[in-house]
Amino acid sequence: MKRLAGKISINVRRRSPLLNVRRPSPLIVLFALCFSLSSCIISYKFNGASIDYSKVKSISIADFPNNATLVYPQLSVDLSQGIRDIYQRQTRLEVLNKGGDMEVEGEITGYTITPMAIAADSYSAETKLTITIKVHFTNNSAPEESFDKTYTAYQTFDSSQMLTDVQEELCAIMITELAENIYNDTVARW
């Protein structure tokens, strides 16, 4: 500290008690850092799958026949492929047509068009397109996880549009939703 009083100046230097502490060697710091990092490992699976790959190596996904009253011919192929795609992208399972350690099979039971909102002129303003499927899931390595379930997905569209104009896009959205729901119930179990 420097203090001036007239022509006299005094320099006072104080030493902090912290300066007397010895620094740890870099080797000790490195060891402590490695130890703390290796003891705190957190693992995340962003695909959500909980599969024991030592027991389950494959999944078979059969074609889903279209047994709905109203038939969109491309739906059966697109749905079957959409379900296969999600397992190929998000798991290490070999996807087969039949004979897998896990099996997904089913059928399309409903493809319906329903008028929804009524406009002021008593005509429908919105239409709902619905896909309903029945799924039979078999887990050959853990039979207690097998199930039969019905899944439904729907999308609405403006009634001024023709179904043929929006059908492909709406079906793609619903197939993705159905495939994700089947995936979650079979291997993610959320």
N, C-alpha and C. Protein backbone atom coordinates (compact mmCIF):
# COMPACT_ATOMS: atom_id res chain seq x y z
N MET A 1 0.84 -1.15 0.00
CA MET A 1 0.00 0.00 0.00
C MET A 1 0.90 1.23 0.00
N LYS A 2 0.54 2.16 -0.76
CA LYS A 2 1.37 3.35 -0.88
C LYS A 2 0.56 4.53 -0.34
N ARG A 3 1.19 5.26 0.55
CA ARG A 3 0.49 6.38 1.13
C ARG A 3 1.38 7.62 1.04
N LEU A 4 0.81 8.66 0.55
CA LEU A 4 1.59 9.88 0.40
C LEU A 4 1.11 10.91 1.42
N ALA A 5 2.01 11.39 2.17
CA ALA A 5 1.70 12.47 3.11
C ALA A 5 2.81 13.50 2.96
N GLY A 6 2.51 14.50 2.21
CA GLY A 6 3.51 15.49 1.91
C GLY A 6 4.56 14.89 1.02
N LYS A 7 5.83 14.87 1.48
CA LYS A 7 6.92 14.33 0.69
C LYS A 7 7.32 12.93 1.14
N ILE A 8 6.66 12.42 2.15
CA ILE A 8 7.04 11.11 2.67
C ILE A 8 6.15 10.04 2.03
N SER A 9 6.75 9.01 1.55
CA SER A 9 5.99 7.89 0.99
C SER A 9 6.43 6.61 1.68
N ILE A 10 5.46 5.78 2.00
CA ILE A 10 5.73 4.52 2.69
C ILE A 10 5.16 3.39 1.84
N ASN A 11 5.99 2.41 1.58
CA ASN A 11 5.53 1.22 0.86
C ASN A 11 5.34 0.09 1.86
N VAL A 12 4.09 -0.42 1.91
CA VAL A 12 3.80 -1.54 2.80
C VAL A 12 3.29 -2.70 1.93
N ARG A 13 3.93 -3.80 2.12
CA ARG A 13 3.53 -4.97 1.33
C ARG A 13 3.08 -6.05 2.29
N ARG A 14 1.82 -6.48 2.13
CA ARG A 14 1.30 -7.55 2.98
C ARG A 14 1.29 -8.85 2.21
N ARG A 15 1.61 -9.88 2.89
CA ARG A 15 1.64 -11.20 2.27
C ARG A 15 0.39 -11.97 2.68
N SER A 16 -0.29 -12.51 1.70
CA SER A 16 -1.51 -13.28 1.95
C SER A 16 -1.14 -14.63 2.54
N PRO A 17 -1.93 -15.12 3.51
CA PRO A 17 -1.67 -16.45 4.07
C PRO A 17 -1.87 -17.55 3.04
N LEU A 18 -2.63 -17.31 2.00
CA LEU A 18 -2.88 -18.32 0.97
C LEU A 18 -1.64 -18.57 0.11
N LEU A 19 -0.75 -17.61 0.07
CA LEU A 19 0.44 -17.79 -0.74
C LEU A 19 1.41 -18.79 -0.13
N ASN A 20 1.24 -19.08 1.14
CA ASN A 20 2.11 -20.03 1.81
C ASN A 20 1.72 -21.48 1.52
N VAL A 21 0.54 -21.71 0.93
CA VAL A 21 0.07 -23.07 0.65
C VAL A 21 0.81 -23.60 -0.57
N ARG A 22 1.25 -24.84 -0.48
CA ARG A 22 1.98 -25.46 -1.58
C ARG A 22 1.04 -25.97 -2.64
N ARG A 23 1.36 -25.75 -3.88
CA ARG A 23 0.55 -26.25 -4.99
C ARG A 23 0.74 -27.75 -5.14
N PRO A 24 -0.36 -28.49 -5.50
CA PRO A 24 -0.19 -29.91 -5.73
C PRO A 24 0.55 -30.14 -7.05
N SER A 25 1.23 -31.25 -7.11
CA SER A 25 1.98 -31.51 -8.34
C SER A 25 1.01 -31.80 -9.49
N PRO A 26 1.43 -31.50 -10.71
CA PRO A 26 0.56 -31.75 -11.87
C PRO A 26 0.17 -33.21 -12.00
N LEU A 27 1.02 -34.11 -11.57
CA LEU A 27 0.71 -35.54 -11.64
C LEU A 27 -0.46 -35.90 -10.73
N ILE A 28 -0.52 -35.32 -9.56
CA ILE A 28 -1.62 -35.57 -8.63
C ILE A 28 -2.92 -35.00 -9.19
N VAL A 29 -2.85 -33.82 -9.76
CA VAL A 29 -4.04 -33.20 -10.36
C VAL A 29 -4.57 -34.06 -11.50
N LEU A 30 -3.68 -34.55 -12.35
CA LEU A 30 -4.08 -35.39 -13.48
C LEU A 30 -4.71 -36.69 -12.99
N PHE A 31 -4.12 -37.32 -11.97
CA PHE A 31 -4.66 -38.55 -11.41
C PHE A 31 -6.05 -38.32 -10.83
N ALA A 32 -6.23 -37.24 -10.08
CA ALA A 32 -7.54 -36.93 -9.48
C ALA A 32 -8.59 -36.68 -10.55
N LEU A 33 -8.20 -35.99 -11.60
CA LEU A 33 -9.12 -35.71 -12.69
C LEU A 33 -9.55 -36.99 -13.40
N CYS A 34 -8.60 -37.85 -13.72
CA CYS A 34 -8.92 -39.13 -14.38
C CYS A 34 -9.81 -40.00 -13.51
N PHE A 35 -9.51 -40.05 -12.21
CA PHE A 35 -10.29 -40.86 -11.29
C PHE A 35 -11.72 -40.36 -11.20
N SER A 36 -11.90 -39.05 -11.11
CA SER A 36 -13.25 -38.50 -10.99
C SER A 36 -14.05 -38.69 -12.27
N LEU A 37 -13.41 -38.60 -13.42
CA LEU A 37 -14.12 -38.79 -14.68
C LEU A 37 -14.48 -40.25 -14.92
N SER A 38 -13.60 -41.16 -14.54
CA SER A 38 -13.88 -42.58 -14.78
C SER A 38 -14.90 -43.13 -13.81
N SER A 39 -15.08 -42.52 -12.67
CA SER A 39 -16.04 -43.04 -11.71
C SER A 39 -17.44 -42.50 -11.94
N CYS A 40 -17.60 -41.54 -12.79
CA CYS A 40 -18.91 -40.94 -13.04
C CYS A 40 -19.28 -41.07 -14.51
N ILE A 41 -19.57 -42.26 -14.93
CA ILE A 41 -19.95 -42.46 -16.33
C ILE A 41 -21.46 -42.56 -16.41
N ILE A 42 -22.05 -41.74 -17.25
CA ILE A 42 -23.48 -41.75 -17.46
C ILE A 42 -23.73 -42.20 -18.89
N SER A 43 -24.62 -43.15 -19.05
CA SER A 43 -24.90 -43.70 -20.38
C SER A 43 -26.34 -43.40 -20.76
N TYR A 44 -26.53 -42.87 -21.95
CA TYR A 44 -27.86 -42.58 -22.47
C TYR A 44 -28.07 -43.34 -23.75
N LYS A 45 -29.28 -43.88 -23.95
CA LYS A 45 -29.66 -44.49 -25.21
C LYS A 45 -30.77 -43.61 -25.77
N PHE A 46 -30.47 -42.92 -26.84
CA PHE A 46 -31.45 -42.00 -27.38
C PHE A 46 -32.52 -42.71 -28.21
N ASN A 47 -32.30 -43.97 -28.58
CA ASN A 47 -33.31 -44.68 -29.33
C ASN A 47 -34.35 -45.32 -28.43
N GLY A 48 -34.08 -45.39 -27.14
CA GLY A 48 -35.05 -45.89 -26.19
C GLY A 48 -35.17 -47.40 -26.15
N ALA A 49 -34.42 -48.13 -26.94
CA ALA A 49 -34.54 -49.58 -26.97
C ALA A 49 -33.93 -50.21 -25.74
N SER A 50 -34.63 -51.21 -25.20
CA SER A 50 -34.09 -51.97 -24.08
C SER A 50 -34.05 -53.43 -24.50
N ILE A 51 -33.08 -53.75 -25.32
CA ILE A 51 -32.95 -55.07 -25.90
C ILE A 51 -31.70 -55.75 -25.34
N ASP A 52 -31.86 -56.99 -24.94
CA ASP A 52 -30.71 -57.79 -24.52
C ASP A 52 -30.18 -58.49 -25.77
N TYR A 53 -29.17 -57.88 -26.39
CA TYR A 53 -28.66 -58.40 -27.66
C TYR A 53 -27.95 -59.75 -27.51
N SER A 54 -27.68 -60.17 -26.29
CA SER A 54 -27.10 -61.50 -26.10
C SER A 54 -28.17 -62.58 -26.28
N LYS A 55 -29.44 -62.23 -26.08
CA LYS A 55 -30.54 -63.19 -26.23
C LYS A 55 -31.32 -62.99 -27.52
N VAL A 56 -31.43 -61.73 -27.96
CA VAL A 56 -32.25 -61.40 -29.12
C VAL A 56 -31.36 -60.84 -30.22
N LYS A 57 -31.33 -61.52 -31.34
CA LYS A 57 -30.48 -61.11 -32.46
C LYS A 57 -31.28 -60.65 -33.68
N SER A 58 -32.56 -61.06 -33.75
CA SER A 58 -33.33 -60.76 -34.97
C SER A 58 -34.80 -60.50 -34.64
N ILE A 59 -35.44 -59.84 -35.56
CA ILE A 59 -36.88 -59.61 -35.47
C ILE A 59 -37.46 -59.86 -36.85
N SER A 60 -38.57 -60.59 -36.90
CA SER A 60 -39.22 -60.80 -38.18
C SER A 60 -40.48 -59.94 -38.23
N ILE A 61 -40.65 -59.27 -39.34
CA ILE A 61 -41.81 -58.40 -39.55
C ILE A 61 -42.50 -58.87 -40.82
N ALA A 62 -43.65 -59.47 -40.63
CA ALA A 62 -44.42 -60.00 -41.76
C ALA A 62 -45.14 -58.86 -42.47
N ASP A 63 -45.51 -59.09 -43.72
CA ASP A 63 -46.31 -58.11 -44.45
C ASP A 63 -47.68 -57.98 -43.79
N PHE A 64 -48.18 -56.77 -43.73
CA PHE A 64 -49.49 -56.49 -43.15
C PHE A 64 -50.53 -56.46 -44.27
N PRO A 65 -51.36 -57.51 -44.39
CA PRO A 65 -52.37 -57.49 -45.44
C PRO A 65 -53.44 -56.43 -45.15
N ASN A 66 -54.01 -55.88 -46.19
CA ASN A 66 -55.03 -54.85 -46.05
C ASN A 66 -56.40 -55.51 -46.11
N ASN A 67 -57.03 -55.69 -44.95
CA ASN A 67 -58.35 -56.30 -44.86
C ASN A 67 -59.42 -55.28 -44.52
N ALA A 68 -59.16 -54.01 -44.76
CA ALA A 68 -60.12 -52.95 -44.49
C ALA A 68 -61.18 -52.94 -45.58
N THR A 69 -62.33 -52.38 -45.27
CA THR A 69 -63.41 -52.28 -46.24
C THR A 69 -63.02 -51.36 -47.39
N LEU A 70 -62.48 -50.20 -47.04
CA LEU A 70 -61.96 -49.26 -48.04
C LEU A 70 -60.46 -49.54 -48.17
N VAL A 71 -59.98 -49.78 -49.38
CA VAL A 71 -58.58 -50.19 -49.56
C VAL A 71 -57.80 -49.13 -50.32
N TYR A 72 -56.69 -48.72 -49.73
CA TYR A 72 -55.69 -47.90 -50.40
C TYR A 72 -54.57 -48.87 -50.74
N PRO A 73 -54.38 -49.23 -52.01
CA PRO A 73 -53.48 -50.32 -52.39
C PRO A 73 -52.05 -50.19 -51.87
N GLN A 74 -51.51 -49.01 -51.80
CA GLN A 74 -50.12 -48.81 -51.40
C GLN A 74 -49.92 -48.94 -49.89
N LEU A 75 -51.00 -48.88 -49.11
CA LEU A 75 -50.91 -48.85 -47.65
C LEU A 75 -50.23 -50.08 -47.07
N SER A 76 -50.55 -51.25 -47.55
CA SER A 76 -49.98 -52.49 -47.01
C SER A 76 -48.46 -52.50 -47.15
N VAL A 77 -47.98 -52.17 -48.32
CA VAL A 77 -46.53 -52.15 -48.58
C VAL A 77 -45.85 -51.07 -47.76
N ASP A 78 -46.42 -49.87 -47.74
CA ASP A 78 -45.81 -48.75 -47.02
C ASP A 78 -45.78 -48.99 -45.51
N LEU A 79 -46.85 -49.55 -44.96
CA LEU A 79 -46.90 -49.82 -43.53
C LEU A 79 -45.87 -50.87 -43.14
N SER A 80 -45.84 -51.97 -43.87
CA SER A 80 -44.88 -53.04 -43.57
C SER A 80 -43.44 -52.51 -43.63
N GLN A 81 -43.14 -51.73 -44.65
CA GLN A 81 -41.79 -51.18 -44.80
C GLN A 81 -41.49 -50.14 -43.73
N GLY A 82 -42.48 -49.34 -43.36
CA GLY A 82 -42.29 -48.33 -42.30
C GLY A 82 -41.94 -48.97 -40.97
N ILE A 83 -42.58 -50.10 -40.66
CA ILE A 83 -42.27 -50.81 -39.41
C ILE A 83 -40.88 -51.41 -39.49
N ARG A 84 -40.52 -51.99 -40.61
CA ARG A 84 -39.17 -52.55 -40.77
C ARG A 84 -38.10 -51.46 -40.63
N ASP A 85 -38.37 -50.32 -41.24
CA ASP A 85 -37.40 -49.21 -41.23
C ASP A 85 -37.04 -48.74 -39.83
N ILE A 86 -38.04 -48.63 -38.94
CA ILE A 86 -37.76 -48.11 -37.60
C ILE A 86 -36.86 -49.08 -36.82
N TYR A 87 -37.04 -50.37 -37.02
CA TYR A 87 -36.18 -51.34 -36.33
C TYR A 87 -34.77 -51.34 -36.94
N GLN A 88 -34.67 -51.15 -38.23
CA GLN A 88 -33.35 -51.11 -38.87
C GLN A 88 -32.58 -49.87 -38.46
N ARG A 89 -33.26 -48.74 -38.31
CA ARG A 89 -32.60 -47.48 -37.94
C ARG A 89 -32.23 -47.43 -36.47
N GLN A 90 -33.06 -47.99 -35.61
CA GLN A 90 -32.88 -47.75 -34.18
C GLN A 90 -32.42 -48.95 -33.36
N THR A 91 -32.19 -50.10 -34.01
CA THR A 91 -31.68 -51.25 -33.28
C THR A 91 -30.58 -51.92 -34.09
N ARG A 92 -29.92 -52.88 -33.46
CA ARG A 92 -28.92 -53.70 -34.14
C ARG A 92 -29.52 -55.05 -34.55
N LEU A 93 -30.83 -55.19 -34.44
CA LEU A 93 -31.48 -56.45 -34.79
C LEU A 93 -31.45 -56.68 -36.29
N GLU A 94 -31.28 -57.94 -36.67
CA GLU A 94 -31.41 -58.31 -38.07
C GLU A 94 -32.90 -58.40 -38.37
N VAL A 95 -33.37 -57.68 -39.37
CA VAL A 95 -34.79 -57.66 -39.72
C VAL A 95 -35.04 -58.71 -40.79
N LEU A 96 -35.92 -59.66 -40.45
CA LEU A 96 -36.25 -60.78 -41.34
C LEU A 96 -37.72 -60.74 -41.72
N ASN A 97 -38.10 -61.53 -42.72
CA ASN A 97 -39.51 -61.67 -43.06
C ASN A 97 -40.22 -62.68 -42.16
N LYS A 98 -39.49 -63.71 -41.69
CA LYS A 98 -40.07 -64.68 -40.75
C LYS A 98 -38.96 -65.40 -40.00
N GLY A 99 -39.33 -65.98 -38.85
CA GLY A 99 -38.39 -66.77 -38.08
C GLY A 99 -37.46 -66.01 -37.17
N GLY A 100 -37.79 -64.81 -36.74
CA GLY A 100 -36.92 -64.02 -35.87
C GLY A 100 -37.08 -64.38 -34.40
N ASP A 101 -36.16 -63.90 -33.58
CA ASP A 101 -36.26 -64.08 -32.14
C ASP A 101 -37.49 -63.34 -31.58
N MET A 102 -37.84 -62.25 -32.23
CA MET A 102 -39.08 -61.53 -31.95
C MET A 102 -39.84 -61.47 -33.27
N GLU A 103 -41.17 -61.48 -33.17
CA GLU A 103 -41.99 -61.48 -34.38
C GLU A 103 -43.09 -60.44 -34.28
N VAL A 104 -43.26 -59.67 -35.34
CA VAL A 104 -44.34 -58.70 -35.44
C VAL A 104 -45.14 -59.06 -36.68
N GLU A 105 -46.43 -59.29 -36.48
CA GLU A 105 -47.32 -59.57 -37.60
C GLU A 105 -48.66 -58.93 -37.31
N GLY A 106 -49.44 -58.76 -38.34
CA GLY A 106 -50.74 -58.15 -38.13
C GLY A 106 -51.46 -57.91 -39.43
N GLU A 107 -52.48 -57.07 -39.34
CA GLU A 107 -53.29 -56.76 -40.51
C GLU A 107 -53.87 -55.35 -40.38
N ILE A 108 -54.17 -54.77 -41.52
CA ILE A 108 -54.85 -53.47 -41.56
C ILE A 108 -56.34 -53.79 -41.51
N THR A 109 -57.02 -53.33 -40.46
CA THR A 109 -58.45 -53.64 -40.29
C THR A 109 -59.36 -52.48 -40.61
N GLY A 110 -58.81 -51.29 -40.66
CA GLY A 110 -59.66 -50.13 -40.93
C GLY A 110 -58.93 -49.04 -41.69
N TYR A 111 -59.62 -48.50 -42.67
CA TYR A 111 -59.15 -47.34 -43.42
C TYR A 111 -60.41 -46.55 -43.70
N THR A 112 -60.70 -45.56 -42.85
CA THR A 112 -61.99 -44.88 -42.91
C THR A 112 -61.85 -43.38 -43.10
N ILE A 113 -62.88 -42.82 -43.71
CA ILE A 113 -62.97 -41.38 -43.93
C ILE A 113 -64.23 -40.92 -43.21
N THR A 114 -64.08 -39.93 -42.33
CA THR A 114 -65.20 -39.46 -41.52
C THR A 114 -65.30 -37.94 -41.63
N PRO A 115 -66.49 -37.40 -41.97
CA PRO A 115 -66.66 -35.94 -41.93
C PRO A 115 -66.59 -35.46 -40.48
N MET A 116 -65.92 -34.35 -40.27
CA MET A 116 -65.72 -33.87 -38.89
C MET A 116 -66.48 -32.58 -38.62
N ALA A 117 -65.84 -31.46 -38.82
CA ALA A 117 -66.42 -30.17 -38.49
C ALA A 117 -67.42 -29.75 -39.57
N ILE A 118 -68.56 -29.28 -39.13
CA ILE A 118 -69.60 -28.84 -40.06
C ILE A 118 -69.50 -27.32 -40.20
N ALA A 119 -69.47 -26.86 -41.44
CA ALA A 119 -69.38 -25.42 -41.72
C ALA A 119 -70.77 -24.79 -41.65
N ALA A 120 -70.81 -23.48 -41.79
CA ALA A 120 -72.07 -22.74 -41.72
C ALA A 120 -73.05 -23.17 -42.80
N ASP A 121 -72.56 -23.65 -43.94
CA ASP A 121 -73.46 -24.06 -45.03
C ASP A 121 -73.88 -25.53 -44.92
N SER A 122 -73.70 -26.13 -43.74
CA SER A 122 -74.10 -27.50 -43.42
C SER A 122 -73.28 -28.57 -44.15
N TYR A 123 -72.18 -28.18 -44.74
CA TYR A 123 -71.26 -29.14 -45.35
C TYR A 123 -70.06 -29.34 -44.43
N SER A 124 -69.42 -30.44 -44.58
CA SER A 124 -68.27 -30.74 -43.75
C SER A 124 -67.10 -29.82 -44.12
N ALA A 125 -66.46 -29.25 -43.10
CA ALA A 125 -65.31 -28.38 -43.33
C ALA A 125 -64.01 -29.16 -43.21
N GLU A 126 -64.04 -30.25 -42.42
CA GLU A 126 -62.86 -31.08 -42.24
C GLU A 126 -63.25 -32.55 -42.34
N THR A 127 -62.29 -33.33 -42.80
CA THR A 127 -62.49 -34.77 -42.92
C THR A 127 -61.35 -35.46 -42.19
N LYS A 128 -61.68 -36.55 -41.51
CA LYS A 128 -60.68 -37.32 -40.76
C LYS A 128 -60.43 -38.64 -41.48
N LEU A 129 -59.15 -38.91 -41.72
CA LEU A 129 -58.72 -40.18 -42.32
C LEU A 129 -58.10 -41.00 -41.19
N THR A 130 -58.60 -42.23 -41.00
CA THR A 130 -58.15 -43.08 -39.89
C THR A 130 -57.65 -44.41 -40.40
N ILE A 131 -56.51 -44.86 -39.85
CA ILE A 131 -55.98 -46.19 -40.14
C ILE A 131 -56.00 -46.97 -38.83
N THR A 132 -56.54 -48.18 -38.88
CA THR A 132 -56.56 -49.06 -37.71
C THR A 132 -55.87 -50.37 -38.08
N ILE A 133 -54.98 -50.82 -37.22
CA ILE A 133 -54.27 -52.08 -37.47
C ILE A 133 -54.31 -52.94 -36.21
N LYS A 134 -54.31 -54.25 -36.41
CA LYS A 134 -54.16 -55.21 -35.31
C LYS A 134 -52.75 -55.77 -35.40
N VAL A 135 -52.07 -55.86 -34.26
CA VAL A 135 -50.70 -56.34 -34.22
C VAL A 135 -50.60 -57.50 -33.23
N HIS A 136 -49.92 -58.53 -33.67
CA HIS A 136 -49.57 -59.65 -32.79
C HIS A 136 -48.06 -59.66 -32.65
N PHE A 137 -47.59 -59.47 -31.40
CA PHE A 137 -46.15 -59.45 -31.13
C PHE A 137 -45.79 -60.68 -30.31
N THR A 138 -44.75 -61.38 -30.75
CA THR A 138 -44.25 -62.55 -30.03
C THR A 138 -42.78 -62.34 -29.73
N ASN A 139 -42.43 -62.46 -28.45
CA ASN A 139 -41.03 -62.42 -28.04
C ASN A 139 -40.67 -63.85 -27.64
N ASN A 140 -39.95 -64.54 -28.51
CA ASN A 140 -39.62 -65.94 -28.27
C ASN A 140 -38.64 -66.14 -27.12
N SER A 141 -37.84 -65.14 -26.79
CA SER A 141 -36.89 -65.27 -25.68
C SER A 141 -37.52 -64.86 -24.34
N ALA A 142 -38.60 -64.09 -24.38
CA ALA A 142 -39.32 -63.69 -23.17
C ALA A 142 -40.82 -63.68 -23.48
N PRO A 143 -41.45 -64.87 -23.48
CA PRO A 143 -42.86 -64.99 -23.89
C PRO A 143 -43.83 -64.12 -23.10
N GLU A 144 -43.49 -63.77 -21.87
CA GLU A 144 -44.38 -62.93 -21.05
C GLU A 144 -44.54 -61.52 -21.63
N GLU A 145 -43.66 -61.11 -22.54
CA GLU A 145 -43.74 -59.79 -23.16
C GLU A 145 -44.56 -59.79 -24.44
N SER A 146 -45.03 -60.93 -24.87
CA SER A 146 -45.84 -61.03 -26.10
C SER A 146 -47.21 -60.39 -25.86
N PHE A 147 -47.82 -59.88 -26.93
CA PHE A 147 -49.14 -59.26 -26.80
C PHE A 147 -49.86 -59.19 -28.13
N ASP A 148 -51.17 -58.94 -28.06
CA ASP A 148 -52.03 -58.60 -29.20
C ASP A 148 -52.60 -57.23 -28.89
N LYS A 149 -52.53 -56.31 -29.85
CA LYS A 149 -52.98 -54.94 -29.60
C LYS A 149 -53.49 -54.30 -30.89
N THR A 150 -54.44 -53.40 -30.73
CA THR A 150 -54.96 -52.63 -31.86
C THR A 150 -54.41 -51.20 -31.77
N TYR A 151 -53.93 -50.70 -32.90
CA TYR A 151 -53.37 -49.35 -32.98
C TYR A 151 -54.20 -48.54 -33.97
N THR A 152 -54.38 -47.27 -33.65
CA THR A 152 -55.13 -46.37 -34.52
C THR A 152 -54.36 -45.06 -34.66
N ALA A 153 -54.36 -44.54 -35.86
CA ALA A 153 -53.78 -43.22 -36.12
C ALA A 153 -54.72 -42.48 -37.06
N TYR A 154 -54.79 -41.17 -36.92
CA TYR A 154 -55.65 -40.39 -37.81
C TYR A 154 -55.03 -39.04 -38.12
N GLN A 155 -55.48 -38.48 -39.22
CA GLN A 155 -55.11 -37.13 -39.64
C GLN A 155 -56.35 -36.48 -40.22
N THR A 156 -56.46 -35.17 -40.04
CA THR A 156 -57.57 -34.44 -40.63
C THR A 156 -57.07 -33.61 -41.81
N PHE A 157 -57.98 -33.35 -42.73
CA PHE A 157 -57.65 -32.50 -43.86
C PHE A 157 -58.88 -31.70 -44.25
N ASP A 158 -58.66 -30.60 -44.95
CA ASP A 158 -59.74 -29.72 -45.39
C ASP A 158 -60.62 -30.46 -46.38
N SER A 159 -61.92 -30.38 -46.18
CA SER A 159 -62.86 -31.11 -47.04
C SER A 159 -62.91 -30.59 -48.47
N SER A 160 -62.35 -29.41 -48.70
CA SER A 160 -62.31 -28.90 -50.06
C SER A 160 -61.26 -29.64 -50.89
N GLN A 161 -60.38 -30.39 -50.23
CA GLN A 161 -59.35 -31.16 -50.93
C GLN A 161 -59.87 -32.56 -51.23
N MET A 162 -59.39 -33.10 -52.32
CA MET A 162 -59.72 -34.48 -52.68
C MET A 162 -58.82 -35.42 -51.87
N LEU A 163 -59.36 -36.56 -51.45
CA LEU A 163 -58.57 -37.54 -50.71
C LEU A 163 -57.35 -37.97 -51.51
N THR A 164 -57.51 -38.16 -52.79
CA THR A 164 -56.39 -38.61 -53.63
C THR A 164 -55.24 -37.60 -53.64
N ASP A 165 -55.55 -36.32 -53.38
CA ASP A 165 -54.51 -35.29 -53.37
C ASP A 165 -53.68 -35.30 -52.09
N VAL A 166 -54.27 -35.73 -50.97
CA VAL A 166 -53.59 -35.67 -49.68
C VAL A 166 -53.29 -37.05 -49.08
N GLN A 167 -53.82 -38.07 -49.68
CA GLN A 167 -53.75 -39.43 -49.15
C GLN A 167 -52.32 -39.91 -48.89
N GLU A 168 -51.44 -39.74 -49.84
CA GLU A 168 -50.07 -40.23 -49.71
C GLU A 168 -49.34 -39.55 -48.55
N GLU A 169 -49.47 -38.24 -48.45
CA GLU A 169 -48.81 -37.48 -47.39
C GLU A 169 -49.38 -37.84 -46.01
N LEU A 170 -50.71 -37.91 -45.90
CA LEU A 170 -51.34 -38.23 -44.62
C LEU A 170 -51.01 -39.65 -44.18
N CYS A 171 -51.01 -40.59 -45.12
CA CYS A 171 -50.68 -41.97 -44.79
C CYS A 171 -49.23 -42.09 -44.30
N ALA A 172 -48.32 -41.35 -44.90
CA ALA A 172 -46.92 -41.38 -44.47
C ALA A 172 -46.79 -40.91 -43.03
N ILE A 173 -47.52 -39.88 -42.65
CA ILE A 173 -47.50 -39.38 -41.26
C ILE A 173 -48.06 -40.43 -40.31
N MET A 174 -49.19 -41.04 -40.69
CA MET A 174 -49.82 -42.03 -39.82
C MET A 174 -48.99 -43.31 -39.72
N ILE A 175 -48.35 -43.71 -40.80
CA ILE A 175 -47.48 -44.90 -40.77
C ILE A 175 -46.32 -44.67 -39.81
N THR A 176 -45.73 -43.49 -39.85
CA THR A 176 -44.64 -43.17 -38.91
C THR A 176 -45.13 -43.25 -37.48
N GLU A 177 -46.29 -42.71 -37.20
CA GLU A 177 -46.87 -42.76 -35.85
C GLU A 177 -47.15 -44.20 -35.42
N LEU A 178 -47.74 -44.98 -36.29
CA LEU A 178 -48.04 -46.38 -35.97
C LEU A 178 -46.76 -47.18 -35.72
N ALA A 179 -45.76 -46.99 -36.58
CA ALA A 179 -44.49 -47.71 -36.44
C ALA A 179 -43.81 -47.34 -35.12
N GLU A 180 -43.83 -46.06 -34.75
CA GLU A 180 -43.23 -45.63 -33.49
C GLU A 180 -43.95 -46.23 -32.30
N ASN A 181 -45.29 -46.31 -32.36
CA ASN A 181 -46.06 -46.89 -31.26
C ASN A 181 -45.76 -48.39 -31.11
N ILE A 182 -45.67 -49.09 -32.22
CA ILE A 182 -45.35 -50.52 -32.18
C ILE A 182 -43.93 -50.70 -31.64
N TYR A 183 -43.00 -49.91 -32.11
CA TYR A 183 -41.61 -49.97 -31.64
C TYR A 183 -41.54 -49.73 -30.13
N ASN A 184 -42.22 -48.69 -29.66
CA ASN A 184 -42.20 -48.37 -28.23
C ASN A 184 -42.78 -49.51 -27.39
N ASP A 185 -43.84 -50.14 -27.85
CA ASP A 185 -44.46 -51.22 -27.09
C ASP A 185 -43.67 -52.52 -27.14
N THR A 186 -42.88 -52.73 -28.18
CA THR A 186 -42.18 -54.00 -28.32
C THR A 186 -40.78 -53.98 -27.74
N VAL A 187 -39.98 -52.97 -28.04
CA VAL A 187 -38.59 -52.96 -27.56
C VAL A 187 -38.26 -51.80 -26.63
N ALA A 188 -38.98 -50.72 -26.69
CA ALA A 188 -38.68 -49.59 -25.79
C ALA A 188 -39.46 -49.72 -24.49
N ARG A 189 -40.64 -50.26 -24.55
CA ARG A 189 -41.52 -50.47 -23.39
C ARG A 189 -41.63 -49.22 -22.52
N TRP A 190 -42.10 -48.13 -23.11
CA TRP A 190 -42.30 -46.87 -22.39
C TRP A 190 -43.64 -46.89 -21.74
